[in-house]
Every structure is written in C-alpha cells, then in structure tokens.
N, C-alpha and C. Protein backbone atom coordinates (compact mmCIF):
# COMPACT_ATOMS: atom_id res chain seq x y z
N MET A 1 46.86 71.92 56.02
CA MET A 1 46.38 73.17 55.42
C MET A 1 46.12 74.15 56.56
N VAL A 2 46.57 75.42 56.32
CA VAL A 2 46.35 76.45 57.30
C VAL A 2 45.39 77.46 56.72
N ALA A 3 44.31 77.74 57.41
CA ALA A 3 43.31 78.72 56.92
C ALA A 3 42.98 79.72 58.01
N SER A 4 42.89 80.98 57.61
CA SER A 4 42.51 82.00 58.53
C SER A 4 41.22 82.65 58.04
N ASN A 5 40.17 82.51 58.81
CA ASN A 5 38.85 82.99 58.32
C ASN A 5 38.10 83.61 59.43
N GLU A 6 38.45 84.91 59.71
CA GLU A 6 37.85 85.58 60.83
C GLU A 6 36.32 85.75 60.63
N LYS A 7 35.89 85.87 59.37
CA LYS A 7 34.44 86.06 59.15
C LYS A 7 33.64 84.93 59.69
N ASN A 8 34.20 83.68 59.60
CA ASN A 8 33.44 82.51 60.00
C ASN A 8 33.87 81.94 61.35
N GLU A 9 34.74 82.67 62.05
CA GLU A 9 35.33 82.07 63.28
C GLU A 9 34.31 81.77 64.30
N GLY A 10 33.14 82.45 64.30
CA GLY A 10 32.15 82.24 65.34
C GLY A 10 31.15 81.12 64.96
N GLN A 11 31.22 80.63 63.80
CA GLN A 11 30.29 79.62 63.36
C GLN A 11 30.69 78.24 63.92
N GLN A 12 29.70 77.40 64.08
CA GLN A 12 29.99 76.05 64.55
C GLN A 12 30.51 75.20 63.40
N SER A 13 31.32 74.19 63.75
CA SER A 13 31.77 73.27 62.80
C SER A 13 30.64 72.33 62.43
N ILE A 14 30.24 72.30 61.18
CA ILE A 14 29.11 71.51 60.76
C ILE A 14 29.51 70.35 59.89
N ARG A 15 30.74 70.32 59.41
CA ARG A 15 31.17 69.20 58.57
C ARG A 15 31.29 67.97 59.45
N GLU A 16 30.81 66.90 58.92
CA GLU A 16 30.82 65.65 59.68
C GLU A 16 32.29 65.24 60.00
N GLY A 17 32.50 64.90 61.27
CA GLY A 17 33.81 64.42 61.70
C GLY A 17 34.80 65.50 61.97
N VAL A 18 34.39 66.81 61.89
CA VAL A 18 35.25 67.93 62.19
C VAL A 18 34.90 68.57 63.54
N GLN A 19 35.88 68.71 64.41
CA GLN A 19 35.60 69.25 65.71
C GLN A 19 36.28 70.63 65.81
N ARG A 20 35.47 71.66 66.17
CA ARG A 20 36.01 72.98 66.46
C ARG A 20 36.55 73.00 67.88
N ILE A 21 37.84 73.32 68.06
CA ILE A 21 38.42 73.45 69.39
C ILE A 21 38.95 74.80 69.62
N TRP A 22 38.39 75.48 70.63
CA TRP A 22 38.90 76.82 71.00
C TRP A 22 39.98 76.66 71.96
N LEU A 23 41.14 77.21 71.58
CA LEU A 23 42.38 77.15 72.41
C LEU A 23 42.57 78.45 73.15
N VAL A 24 42.45 78.35 74.47
CA VAL A 24 42.56 79.53 75.35
C VAL A 24 43.87 79.49 76.12
N ARG A 25 44.62 80.61 76.02
CA ARG A 25 45.73 80.72 76.96
C ARG A 25 45.19 81.42 78.21
N HIS A 26 45.51 80.89 79.34
CA HIS A 26 44.94 81.44 80.61
C HIS A 26 45.20 82.93 80.73
N GLY A 27 44.48 83.56 81.62
CA GLY A 27 44.65 84.97 81.89
C GLY A 27 45.94 85.28 82.54
N GLN A 28 46.25 86.55 82.61
CA GLN A 28 47.54 87.06 83.12
C GLN A 28 47.75 86.77 84.62
N THR A 29 48.99 86.59 84.97
CA THR A 29 49.43 86.44 86.35
C THR A 29 50.43 87.52 86.65
N ALA A 30 50.78 87.72 87.88
CA ALA A 30 51.84 88.73 88.26
C ALA A 30 53.16 88.35 87.60
N TRP A 31 53.48 87.03 87.51
CA TRP A 31 54.71 86.65 86.89
C TRP A 31 54.72 86.87 85.40
N ASN A 32 53.53 86.71 84.75
CA ASN A 32 53.44 87.07 83.36
C ASN A 32 53.79 88.54 83.14
N GLU A 33 53.18 89.36 83.97
CA GLU A 33 53.37 90.79 83.83
C GLU A 33 54.84 91.17 84.03
N GLN A 34 55.56 90.44 84.93
CA GLN A 34 56.98 90.66 85.15
C GLN A 34 57.85 89.93 84.15
N GLN A 35 57.25 89.18 83.22
CA GLN A 35 57.93 88.41 82.20
C GLN A 35 58.85 87.36 82.80
N ARG A 36 58.31 86.66 83.86
CA ARG A 36 59.02 85.58 84.46
C ARG A 36 58.50 84.23 83.92
N PHE A 37 59.34 83.26 83.87
CA PHE A 37 58.95 81.90 83.45
C PHE A 37 58.10 81.28 84.55
N CYS A 38 56.87 80.97 84.27
CA CYS A 38 55.94 80.37 85.26
C CYS A 38 56.10 78.86 85.33
N GLY A 39 56.07 78.18 84.19
CA GLY A 39 56.18 76.77 84.16
C GLY A 39 55.14 76.09 85.00
N CYS A 40 55.51 75.16 85.80
CA CYS A 40 54.61 74.36 86.67
C CYS A 40 54.39 75.03 88.02
N THR A 41 55.00 76.20 88.30
CA THR A 41 54.73 76.85 89.56
C THR A 41 53.31 77.35 89.53
N ASP A 42 52.56 77.10 90.57
CA ASP A 42 51.10 77.34 90.56
C ASP A 42 50.75 78.77 90.98
N ILE A 43 50.92 79.65 89.99
CA ILE A 43 50.67 81.09 90.19
C ILE A 43 49.25 81.41 89.87
N PRO A 44 48.53 82.17 90.75
CA PRO A 44 47.11 82.45 90.52
C PRO A 44 46.95 83.60 89.49
N LEU A 45 45.74 83.76 89.00
CA LEU A 45 45.45 84.89 88.12
C LEU A 45 45.56 86.22 88.89
N SER A 46 45.97 87.24 88.19
CA SER A 46 45.98 88.57 88.74
C SER A 46 44.56 89.21 88.49
N ALA A 47 44.31 90.36 88.98
CA ALA A 47 43.04 91.03 88.67
C ALA A 47 42.86 91.23 87.18
N THR A 48 43.97 91.58 86.46
CA THR A 48 43.89 91.67 84.99
C THR A 48 43.53 90.35 84.40
N GLY A 49 44.12 89.27 84.89
CA GLY A 49 43.83 87.92 84.37
C GLY A 49 42.36 87.53 84.53
N ARG A 50 41.77 87.89 85.63
CA ARG A 50 40.36 87.57 85.86
C ARG A 50 39.48 88.39 84.91
N ARG A 51 39.89 89.65 84.65
CA ARG A 51 39.13 90.42 83.62
C ARG A 51 39.23 89.78 82.27
N GLN A 52 40.43 89.38 81.93
CA GLN A 52 40.58 88.67 80.62
C GLN A 52 39.73 87.44 80.54
N ALA A 53 39.68 86.65 81.64
CA ALA A 53 38.86 85.42 81.67
C ALA A 53 37.36 85.76 81.44
N ARG A 54 36.92 86.80 82.09
CA ARG A 54 35.50 87.25 81.88
C ARG A 54 35.24 87.65 80.45
N TRP A 55 36.25 88.34 79.84
CA TRP A 55 36.12 88.76 78.43
C TRP A 55 36.05 87.47 77.55
N LEU A 56 36.88 86.47 77.82
CA LEU A 56 36.84 85.24 77.05
C LEU A 56 35.47 84.57 77.19
N ALA A 57 34.92 84.60 78.39
CA ALA A 57 33.57 84.03 78.58
C ALA A 57 32.56 84.77 77.69
N THR A 58 32.68 86.09 77.62
CA THR A 58 31.79 86.89 76.78
C THR A 58 31.98 86.52 75.31
N CYS A 59 33.19 86.33 74.86
CA CYS A 59 33.45 86.00 73.47
C CYS A 59 32.79 84.66 73.10
N LEU A 60 32.79 83.75 74.05
CA LEU A 60 32.32 82.37 73.74
C LEU A 60 30.82 82.20 74.12
N ARG A 61 30.17 83.24 74.57
CA ARG A 61 28.84 83.20 75.11
C ARG A 61 27.85 82.65 74.06
N SER A 62 28.05 83.08 72.78
CA SER A 62 27.09 82.67 71.76
C SER A 62 27.42 81.36 71.12
N MET A 63 28.54 80.76 71.55
CA MET A 63 28.93 79.48 70.94
C MET A 63 28.24 78.33 71.69
N SER A 64 28.00 77.28 70.94
CA SER A 64 27.45 76.04 71.53
C SER A 64 28.62 75.19 72.01
N ILE A 65 28.94 75.42 73.29
CA ILE A 65 30.08 74.71 73.90
C ILE A 65 29.64 73.45 74.59
N ALA A 66 30.23 72.29 74.17
CA ALA A 66 29.85 71.04 74.74
C ALA A 66 30.73 70.59 75.86
N ALA A 67 31.96 71.04 75.90
CA ALA A 67 32.91 70.55 76.89
C ALA A 67 33.98 71.56 77.11
N ILE A 68 34.54 71.65 78.33
CA ILE A 68 35.66 72.54 78.60
C ILE A 68 36.70 71.67 79.33
N TYR A 69 37.90 71.66 78.79
CA TYR A 69 39.06 70.97 79.35
C TYR A 69 40.07 71.97 79.81
N SER A 70 40.79 71.64 80.90
CA SER A 70 41.76 72.62 81.46
C SER A 70 42.96 71.90 82.07
N SER A 71 44.07 72.62 82.00
CA SER A 71 45.21 72.32 82.81
C SER A 71 44.82 72.30 84.27
N ASP A 72 45.57 71.54 85.11
CA ASP A 72 45.25 71.50 86.50
C ASP A 72 45.89 72.67 87.27
N LEU A 73 46.72 73.50 86.69
CA LEU A 73 47.30 74.65 87.30
C LEU A 73 46.29 75.71 87.53
N ASN A 74 46.36 76.37 88.68
CA ASN A 74 45.29 77.28 89.13
C ASN A 74 44.95 78.36 88.08
N ARG A 75 45.97 78.92 87.46
CA ARG A 75 45.69 80.04 86.55
C ARG A 75 44.88 79.60 85.32
N ALA A 76 45.05 78.36 84.92
CA ALA A 76 44.27 77.88 83.84
C ALA A 76 42.92 77.40 84.31
N ARG A 77 42.89 76.72 85.47
CA ARG A 77 41.59 76.22 85.97
C ARG A 77 40.66 77.33 86.34
N GLU A 78 41.18 78.44 86.91
CA GLU A 78 40.28 79.54 87.23
C GLU A 78 39.76 80.24 85.96
N THR A 79 40.62 80.34 84.95
CA THR A 79 40.14 80.91 83.67
C THR A 79 39.05 79.98 83.11
N ALA A 80 39.21 78.71 83.10
CA ALA A 80 38.18 77.80 82.60
C ALA A 80 36.89 77.84 83.42
N GLU A 81 37.01 78.00 84.74
CA GLU A 81 35.81 78.03 85.59
C GLU A 81 35.05 79.31 85.32
N LEU A 82 35.69 80.42 85.02
CA LEU A 82 35.04 81.66 84.75
C LEU A 82 34.31 81.60 83.40
N ILE A 83 34.91 80.87 82.44
CA ILE A 83 34.24 80.62 81.13
C ILE A 83 33.02 79.75 81.35
N ALA A 84 33.12 78.74 82.23
CA ALA A 84 32.04 77.80 82.43
C ALA A 84 30.96 78.33 83.38
N LYS A 85 31.17 79.45 84.04
CA LYS A 85 30.39 79.87 85.15
C LYS A 85 28.87 79.92 84.85
N LYS A 86 28.46 80.40 83.70
CA LYS A 86 27.03 80.49 83.39
C LYS A 86 26.56 79.39 82.46
N ARG A 87 27.34 78.36 82.36
CA ARG A 87 26.92 77.18 81.56
C ARG A 87 26.79 75.96 82.53
N GLN A 88 25.98 75.05 82.12
CA GLN A 88 25.80 73.78 82.91
C GLN A 88 26.89 72.76 82.43
N ILE A 89 28.15 73.18 82.56
CA ILE A 89 29.27 72.37 82.12
C ILE A 89 30.27 72.25 83.25
N ASP A 90 30.71 71.02 83.55
CA ASP A 90 31.83 70.85 84.49
C ASP A 90 33.15 70.93 83.74
N VAL A 91 34.13 71.63 84.29
CA VAL A 91 35.44 71.70 83.70
C VAL A 91 36.16 70.36 83.95
N VAL A 92 36.73 69.75 82.92
CA VAL A 92 37.49 68.55 83.03
C VAL A 92 38.94 68.95 83.17
N VAL A 93 39.51 68.68 84.33
CA VAL A 93 40.86 69.10 84.64
C VAL A 93 41.83 67.93 84.45
N SER A 94 42.95 68.26 83.83
CA SER A 94 43.98 67.23 83.61
C SER A 94 45.37 67.80 83.63
N PRO A 95 46.31 67.07 84.30
CA PRO A 95 47.71 67.54 84.27
C PRO A 95 48.34 67.43 82.86
N ALA A 96 47.67 66.73 81.95
CA ALA A 96 48.22 66.61 80.58
C ALA A 96 48.37 67.97 79.95
N TRP A 97 47.49 68.89 80.36
CA TRP A 97 47.44 70.20 79.72
C TRP A 97 48.27 71.24 80.47
N ARG A 98 49.01 70.85 81.51
CA ARG A 98 49.74 71.83 82.27
C ARG A 98 50.98 72.33 81.48
N GLU A 99 51.47 73.52 81.93
CA GLU A 99 52.58 74.16 81.22
C GLU A 99 53.82 73.32 81.25
N ILE A 100 54.69 73.59 80.28
CA ILE A 100 56.02 72.92 80.22
C ILE A 100 56.76 73.19 81.51
N ALA A 101 57.48 72.24 82.05
CA ALA A 101 58.25 72.43 83.26
C ALA A 101 59.56 73.19 82.87
N PHE A 102 59.69 74.37 83.40
CA PHE A 102 60.96 75.12 83.14
C PHE A 102 62.03 74.86 84.18
N GLY A 103 61.81 73.92 85.08
CA GLY A 103 62.83 73.52 86.07
C GLY A 103 63.39 74.66 86.83
N THR A 104 64.69 74.81 86.81
CA THR A 104 65.37 75.85 87.62
C THR A 104 65.18 77.26 87.08
N TRP A 105 64.59 77.35 85.94
CA TRP A 105 64.34 78.71 85.36
C TRP A 105 63.07 79.33 85.91
N GLU A 106 62.24 78.54 86.55
CA GLU A 106 60.91 79.07 86.99
C GLU A 106 61.11 80.24 88.00
N GLY A 107 60.40 81.29 87.75
CA GLY A 107 60.50 82.47 88.57
C GLY A 107 61.51 83.49 88.11
N LEU A 108 62.31 83.11 87.09
CA LEU A 108 63.34 83.95 86.56
C LEU A 108 62.86 84.67 85.26
N THR A 109 63.42 85.82 84.97
CA THR A 109 63.28 86.52 83.68
C THR A 109 64.18 85.93 82.68
N TYR A 110 63.98 86.25 81.36
CA TYR A 110 64.90 85.79 80.34
C TYR A 110 66.27 86.33 80.57
N ALA A 111 66.37 87.61 80.97
CA ALA A 111 67.65 88.26 81.23
C ALA A 111 68.43 87.48 82.33
N GLU A 112 67.70 87.08 83.35
CA GLU A 112 68.37 86.37 84.46
C GLU A 112 68.79 84.97 84.00
N VAL A 113 67.92 84.32 83.19
CA VAL A 113 68.33 83.03 82.67
C VAL A 113 69.55 83.10 81.79
N ALA A 114 69.58 84.10 80.89
CA ALA A 114 70.71 84.27 79.97
C ALA A 114 71.99 84.55 80.72
N THR A 115 71.92 85.15 81.87
CA THR A 115 73.09 85.47 82.67
C THR A 115 73.53 84.25 83.50
N LEU A 116 72.57 83.58 84.13
CA LEU A 116 72.92 82.53 85.09
C LEU A 116 73.17 81.20 84.35
N PHE A 117 72.57 81.05 83.17
CA PHE A 117 72.63 79.70 82.47
C PHE A 117 73.15 79.92 81.06
N LYS A 118 74.15 80.77 80.86
CA LYS A 118 74.58 81.18 79.51
C LYS A 118 75.08 79.98 78.63
N ASN A 119 75.47 78.89 79.27
CA ASN A 119 75.89 77.74 78.50
C ASN A 119 74.81 76.64 78.42
N GLN A 120 73.61 76.97 78.81
CA GLN A 120 72.52 76.01 78.82
C GLN A 120 71.25 76.58 78.18
N LEU A 121 71.37 77.25 77.01
CA LEU A 121 70.29 77.97 76.41
C LEU A 121 69.76 77.28 75.14
N GLY A 122 70.08 75.97 74.97
CA GLY A 122 69.66 75.31 73.77
C GLY A 122 68.15 75.26 73.56
N PHE A 123 67.38 75.34 74.62
CA PHE A 123 65.93 75.32 74.55
C PHE A 123 65.40 76.43 73.59
N PHE A 124 66.04 77.56 73.58
CA PHE A 124 65.52 78.70 72.82
C PHE A 124 65.73 78.53 71.30
N THR A 125 66.61 77.68 70.91
CA THR A 125 66.82 77.43 69.50
C THR A 125 66.38 76.06 69.00
N ASP A 126 66.39 75.09 69.94
CA ASP A 126 66.00 73.71 69.57
C ASP A 126 65.22 73.08 70.70
N PRO A 127 63.97 73.55 70.96
CA PRO A 127 63.20 73.10 72.11
C PRO A 127 62.74 71.64 71.95
N ALA A 128 62.87 71.02 70.80
CA ALA A 128 62.50 69.64 70.64
C ALA A 128 63.45 68.68 71.30
N TYR A 129 64.72 69.13 71.46
CA TYR A 129 65.74 68.25 72.01
C TYR A 129 66.46 68.83 73.26
N TYR A 130 66.30 70.10 73.50
CA TYR A 130 66.96 70.70 74.66
C TYR A 130 65.90 71.19 75.65
N ALA A 131 66.15 70.91 76.92
CA ALA A 131 65.26 71.33 78.03
C ALA A 131 65.92 72.32 78.91
N PRO A 132 65.14 73.20 79.61
CA PRO A 132 65.76 73.95 80.66
C PRO A 132 66.27 72.98 81.72
N PRO A 133 67.29 73.34 82.50
CA PRO A 133 67.81 72.46 83.54
C PRO A 133 66.68 71.97 84.45
N GLU A 134 66.62 70.62 84.56
CA GLU A 134 65.58 69.96 85.39
C GLU A 134 64.16 70.19 84.83
N GLY A 135 64.07 70.57 83.59
CA GLY A 135 62.70 70.81 82.97
C GLY A 135 62.46 69.84 81.86
N GLU A 136 61.48 70.21 80.96
CA GLU A 136 61.03 69.38 79.90
C GLU A 136 61.40 69.98 78.52
N THR A 137 61.57 69.15 77.55
CA THR A 137 61.58 69.62 76.14
C THR A 137 60.15 69.72 75.64
N LEU A 138 60.00 70.38 74.50
CA LEU A 138 58.63 70.44 73.92
C LEU A 138 58.24 69.06 73.40
N THR A 139 59.20 68.18 73.03
CA THR A 139 58.89 66.83 72.71
C THR A 139 58.24 66.09 73.86
N ASP A 140 58.80 66.27 75.09
CA ASP A 140 58.21 65.72 76.28
C ASP A 140 56.81 66.21 76.41
N VAL A 141 56.58 67.47 76.27
CA VAL A 141 55.25 68.04 76.45
C VAL A 141 54.24 67.41 75.48
N LEU A 142 54.64 67.27 74.20
CA LEU A 142 53.75 66.70 73.19
C LEU A 142 53.38 65.24 73.47
N GLN A 143 54.28 64.55 74.21
CA GLN A 143 53.99 63.15 74.50
C GLN A 143 52.85 63.00 75.47
N ARG A 144 52.50 64.11 76.19
CA ARG A 144 51.31 64.03 77.08
C ARG A 144 50.14 64.80 76.46
N VAL A 145 50.41 65.83 75.64
CA VAL A 145 49.36 66.66 75.09
C VAL A 145 48.67 66.00 73.93
N LEU A 146 49.42 65.38 73.02
CA LEU A 146 48.78 64.78 71.84
C LEU A 146 47.82 63.66 72.20
N PRO A 147 48.10 62.76 73.12
CA PRO A 147 47.12 61.76 73.53
C PRO A 147 45.90 62.43 74.18
N ALA A 148 46.11 63.52 74.90
CA ALA A 148 44.93 64.25 75.49
C ALA A 148 44.08 64.80 74.40
N LEU A 149 44.65 65.34 73.34
CA LEU A 149 43.86 65.83 72.24
C LEU A 149 43.15 64.66 71.48
N THR A 150 43.82 63.55 71.33
CA THR A 150 43.18 62.42 70.71
C THR A 150 41.97 61.91 71.53
N PHE A 151 42.13 61.94 72.86
CA PHE A 151 41.01 61.58 73.70
C PHE A 151 39.81 62.47 73.47
N ILE A 152 40.05 63.79 73.40
CA ILE A 152 38.97 64.73 73.08
C ILE A 152 38.30 64.39 71.76
N MET A 153 39.07 64.13 70.76
CA MET A 153 38.55 63.82 69.43
C MET A 153 37.76 62.55 69.42
N GLN A 154 38.06 61.63 70.31
CA GLN A 154 37.36 60.38 70.35
C GLN A 154 36.00 60.45 71.08
N GLN A 155 35.76 61.57 71.75
CA GLN A 155 34.50 61.73 72.46
C GLN A 155 33.41 62.23 71.48
N THR A 156 32.20 62.03 71.84
CA THR A 156 31.09 62.49 71.02
C THR A 156 30.58 63.82 71.61
N HIS A 157 30.86 64.91 70.93
CA HIS A 157 30.52 66.20 71.46
C HIS A 157 29.42 66.82 70.55
N SER A 158 28.45 67.39 71.22
CA SER A 158 27.33 67.99 70.44
C SER A 158 27.58 69.44 70.07
N GLY A 159 28.77 69.95 70.40
CA GLY A 159 29.11 71.33 70.04
C GLY A 159 30.64 71.48 70.07
N ASP A 160 31.04 72.71 70.20
CA ASP A 160 32.48 73.00 70.23
C ASP A 160 33.11 72.60 71.58
N VAL A 161 34.43 72.56 71.55
CA VAL A 161 35.20 72.20 72.77
C VAL A 161 36.16 73.38 73.08
N VAL A 162 36.30 73.65 74.37
CA VAL A 162 37.26 74.67 74.82
C VAL A 162 38.36 73.98 75.59
N VAL A 163 39.63 74.30 75.24
CA VAL A 163 40.81 73.83 76.01
C VAL A 163 41.52 75.01 76.56
N VAL A 164 41.67 75.07 77.86
CA VAL A 164 42.42 76.18 78.53
C VAL A 164 43.75 75.66 78.95
N SER A 165 44.79 76.24 78.43
CA SER A 165 46.16 75.73 78.72
C SER A 165 47.17 76.88 78.75
N HIS A 166 48.33 76.67 78.33
CA HIS A 166 49.43 77.57 78.52
C HIS A 166 50.22 77.89 77.24
N GLY A 167 51.00 78.90 77.29
CA GLY A 167 51.66 79.35 76.07
C GLY A 167 52.54 78.37 75.36
N ALA A 168 53.45 77.74 76.10
CA ALA A 168 54.41 76.80 75.42
C ALA A 168 53.62 75.52 74.95
N VAL A 169 52.68 75.07 75.78
CA VAL A 169 51.87 73.93 75.40
C VAL A 169 51.13 74.19 74.11
N LEU A 170 50.45 75.34 74.03
CA LEU A 170 49.62 75.64 72.84
C LEU A 170 50.47 75.89 71.62
N ARG A 171 51.59 76.56 71.78
CA ARG A 171 52.50 76.80 70.64
C ARG A 171 53.08 75.47 70.12
N GLY A 172 53.48 74.60 71.05
CA GLY A 172 53.97 73.31 70.65
C GLY A 172 52.90 72.48 69.96
N LEU A 173 51.69 72.48 70.47
CA LEU A 173 50.62 71.74 69.85
C LEU A 173 50.31 72.26 68.44
N LEU A 174 50.25 73.58 68.33
CA LEU A 174 50.02 74.13 66.95
C LEU A 174 51.08 73.80 65.96
N CYS A 175 52.33 73.85 66.42
CA CYS A 175 53.43 73.48 65.55
C CYS A 175 53.28 72.07 65.08
N SER A 176 52.98 71.13 66.00
CA SER A 176 52.80 69.71 65.70
C SER A 176 51.67 69.50 64.70
N LEU A 177 50.53 70.12 64.99
CA LEU A 177 49.32 69.92 64.14
C LEU A 177 49.45 70.51 62.76
N LEU A 178 50.17 71.65 62.66
CA LEU A 178 50.30 72.36 61.43
C LEU A 178 51.57 72.01 60.65
N GLY A 179 52.29 71.06 61.13
CA GLY A 179 53.48 70.61 60.40
C GLY A 179 54.65 71.56 60.47
N MET A 180 54.76 72.41 61.53
CA MET A 180 55.84 73.34 61.66
C MET A 180 56.93 72.72 62.60
N PRO A 181 58.17 72.98 62.35
CA PRO A 181 59.23 72.57 63.30
C PRO A 181 59.01 73.24 64.62
N LEU A 182 59.28 72.51 65.69
CA LEU A 182 59.09 73.06 67.01
C LEU A 182 60.02 74.26 67.28
N SER A 183 61.12 74.36 66.53
CA SER A 183 62.00 75.51 66.70
C SER A 183 61.33 76.77 66.19
N HIS A 184 60.19 76.70 65.48
CA HIS A 184 59.48 77.85 65.04
C HIS A 184 58.36 78.26 66.03
N GLN A 185 58.33 77.67 67.20
CA GLN A 185 57.24 78.00 68.10
C GLN A 185 57.12 79.45 68.43
N TRP A 186 58.24 80.15 68.50
CA TRP A 186 58.24 81.56 68.93
C TRP A 186 57.56 82.42 67.85
N GLN A 187 57.39 81.93 66.62
CA GLN A 187 56.73 82.67 65.58
C GLN A 187 55.17 82.74 65.81
N LEU A 188 54.70 81.90 66.73
CA LEU A 188 53.26 81.87 67.04
C LEU A 188 53.02 82.67 68.27
N ARG A 189 52.46 83.89 68.11
CA ARG A 189 52.25 84.75 69.29
C ARG A 189 50.94 84.34 69.93
N LEU A 190 50.97 84.01 71.19
CA LEU A 190 49.80 83.67 71.98
C LEU A 190 49.85 84.41 73.31
N ASP A 191 49.19 85.54 73.36
CA ASP A 191 49.19 86.35 74.56
C ASP A 191 48.35 85.71 75.67
N THR A 192 48.57 86.14 76.91
CA THR A 192 47.73 85.73 78.00
C THR A 192 46.34 86.19 77.73
N GLY A 193 45.34 85.40 78.05
CA GLY A 193 43.96 85.77 77.83
C GLY A 193 43.56 85.79 76.38
N SER A 194 44.30 85.01 75.56
CA SER A 194 43.99 84.99 74.10
C SER A 194 43.12 83.83 73.70
N LEU A 195 42.45 84.01 72.57
CA LEU A 195 41.49 83.00 72.03
C LEU A 195 41.95 82.65 70.62
N SER A 196 42.17 81.37 70.43
CA SER A 196 42.50 80.85 69.10
C SER A 196 41.59 79.70 68.79
N ALA A 197 41.53 79.25 67.55
CA ALA A 197 40.60 78.08 67.22
C ALA A 197 41.19 77.27 66.11
N ILE A 198 41.06 75.97 66.24
CA ILE A 198 41.39 75.03 65.18
C ILE A 198 40.23 74.14 64.88
N ASP A 199 40.16 73.67 63.61
CA ASP A 199 39.20 72.65 63.24
C ASP A 199 39.98 71.37 63.03
N VAL A 200 39.64 70.30 63.75
CA VAL A 200 40.44 69.06 63.72
C VAL A 200 39.51 67.92 63.31
N SER A 201 40.07 67.04 62.47
CA SER A 201 39.39 65.78 62.15
C SER A 201 40.44 64.70 62.17
N LEU A 202 40.01 63.47 62.30
CA LEU A 202 40.94 62.31 62.32
C LEU A 202 40.77 61.49 61.03
N ASP A 203 41.85 61.19 60.37
CA ASP A 203 41.74 60.34 59.20
C ASP A 203 41.57 58.87 59.60
N LYS A 204 41.48 57.99 58.62
CA LYS A 204 41.20 56.60 58.94
C LYS A 204 42.29 55.90 59.73
N ASN A 205 43.49 56.56 59.77
CA ASN A 205 44.58 55.99 60.57
C ASN A 205 44.65 56.61 61.95
N GLY A 206 43.76 57.55 62.22
CA GLY A 206 43.75 58.20 63.55
C GLY A 206 44.66 59.42 63.60
N SER A 207 45.23 59.82 62.50
CA SER A 207 46.08 61.02 62.50
C SER A 207 45.24 62.27 62.34
N SER A 208 45.70 63.38 62.91
CA SER A 208 44.97 64.63 62.94
C SER A 208 45.15 65.41 61.64
N LEU A 209 44.01 65.93 61.17
CA LEU A 209 44.01 66.89 60.02
C LEU A 209 43.50 68.18 60.57
N THR A 210 44.29 69.25 60.46
CA THR A 210 43.99 70.44 61.21
C THR A 210 43.97 71.69 60.31
N SER A 211 42.98 72.58 60.52
CA SER A 211 42.96 73.90 59.89
C SER A 211 42.95 74.92 61.01
N LEU A 212 43.79 75.98 60.88
CA LEU A 212 43.81 77.08 61.87
C LEU A 212 42.73 78.03 61.46
N ALA A 213 41.77 78.24 62.40
CA ALA A 213 40.62 79.11 62.11
C ALA A 213 40.87 80.55 62.57
N THR A 214 41.48 80.73 63.74
CA THR A 214 41.81 82.09 64.21
C THR A 214 42.98 81.93 65.27
N LEU A 215 43.76 83.03 65.33
CA LEU A 215 44.94 82.97 66.21
C LEU A 215 45.06 84.24 67.02
N ASN A 216 45.21 84.07 68.32
CA ASN A 216 45.61 85.13 69.24
C ASN A 216 44.58 86.35 69.20
N ARG A 217 43.34 86.02 69.28
CA ARG A 217 42.35 87.10 69.46
C ARG A 217 42.40 87.56 70.88
N VAL A 218 42.64 88.86 71.11
CA VAL A 218 42.76 89.38 72.48
C VAL A 218 41.88 90.62 72.71
N GLN A 219 41.65 90.88 74.01
CA GLN A 219 40.96 92.11 74.38
C GLN A 219 41.91 93.27 74.23
N SER A 220 41.38 94.39 73.72
CA SER A 220 42.23 95.56 73.56
C SER A 220 42.67 96.11 74.87
N ILE A 221 43.86 96.72 74.92
CA ILE A 221 44.41 97.33 76.16
C ILE A 221 43.45 98.45 76.63
N LYS A 222 42.87 99.15 75.73
CA LYS A 222 41.99 100.28 76.10
C LYS A 222 40.85 99.74 76.87
N ARG A 223 40.28 98.58 76.44
CA ARG A 223 39.10 98.04 77.13
C ARG A 223 39.46 97.49 78.47
N LEU A 224 40.75 97.02 78.64
CA LEU A 224 41.15 96.49 79.92
C LEU A 224 41.41 97.56 80.99
N ALA A 225 41.64 98.76 80.54
CA ALA A 225 41.97 99.88 81.44
C ALA A 225 40.85 100.20 82.35
C-alpha cells in the first residue's frame, strides 16, 4: 500500500511494530551540480550541499530520532553528521548504504556516456539485469541494502530512524518495498538534500510491509540563494 499524508508526516509512528524511517539523499556535490555520475567516487559536499544538510537537520529537529545510519561515502557521512550534530547520537556508518557502482561511467555526464558507450546502455532501461561497465546492477545493490534494512528493523528503537544514502540506492529500495519494477526507478524523483519517509513493519515471515509517508521534500531554491 502506498500512502501520501503530508499532514501527518511529522508525527511519530505509534502503531506497534511500525518503524518510521526517514530516507535522506545526501546534499549536493560539485559533480551533482555538473550532472556527473558519482557512484562510489568519494566526492565531498559542496557549500550548497552543506546548507542542504543543515536544512535537513532543521526539518528533523522536532522529531524523536533514535538512530542515524549512513553510507560510508563522505558526502553521505557528512550530511548525517550535520543532522546528528546537536543530538547525542553516533552515526552508524556502513558500506551497505553506499551508492551503486557506476564503474567506468563515474565522473561522466549522461551525454558523454551515451556517446562513449552507445552499445552498453541497458542499465537505463533494465537496471535489474544490466550494469554500467565494471559497475553494479540495481539487483546487486539490493542484495546489500535489503539486509541492512532488515537489520535496522530488528533493532529496538525508541523513536524514528534516519538513513542517509544515495539516489540510486534509495530509488531501488523504494521500488523493492513498494512492489514497483526496478525499471520504473526513474519515476521516483529524489533530489540531492531531499527528505522522504516510509513506515515499515515486518510480517510473521520477516517480509517488509511498507507505506510511503512523504517523498522528495526539498528546500526551495529561493531559500538556498
């Protein structure tokens, strides 16, 4: 079931067995601004990205956050640390949440990829089975991300959880949890510095039951200026 309920997006999950997870895409980097594939290249936040991270911290200030998990890549880790800065919470860093490996495409724009690899573009239409050269498929990504999500769900948290990760990872995760084909990932817009939320529970077989609470909440361009 998919539900969008902006009115209640700031409320804590109070139903027994339901965990509210805030999904954060890291703040902007110079490569994001240039529309280059970052992948596993460890690009730091730009000044804009740090402002976005501080805005995210402000958005989550009134929430009862019990834990913060992050990709081990610098742009995600720094975003998570800025969110955690005024809380007595240590960021749990894991490579499970790092961005999809784009292999030889990393550092290139889509136009450059389409020119240089015109016969190897299956990832854009069928990312479940096709990978960028020397990179990962979204199926590969989910094989590390879904166990990481299950681990979070198996912990006892006294409040909400924040996960700071990357665009392809979060789109793939949402497709999987909401029963969407991975080929539809591009229909889920997740901007840098965006805030989304899901409510997740586990059934008696350990499978995830997920509702989408909010998607791609971002700071306005005017406020960033």
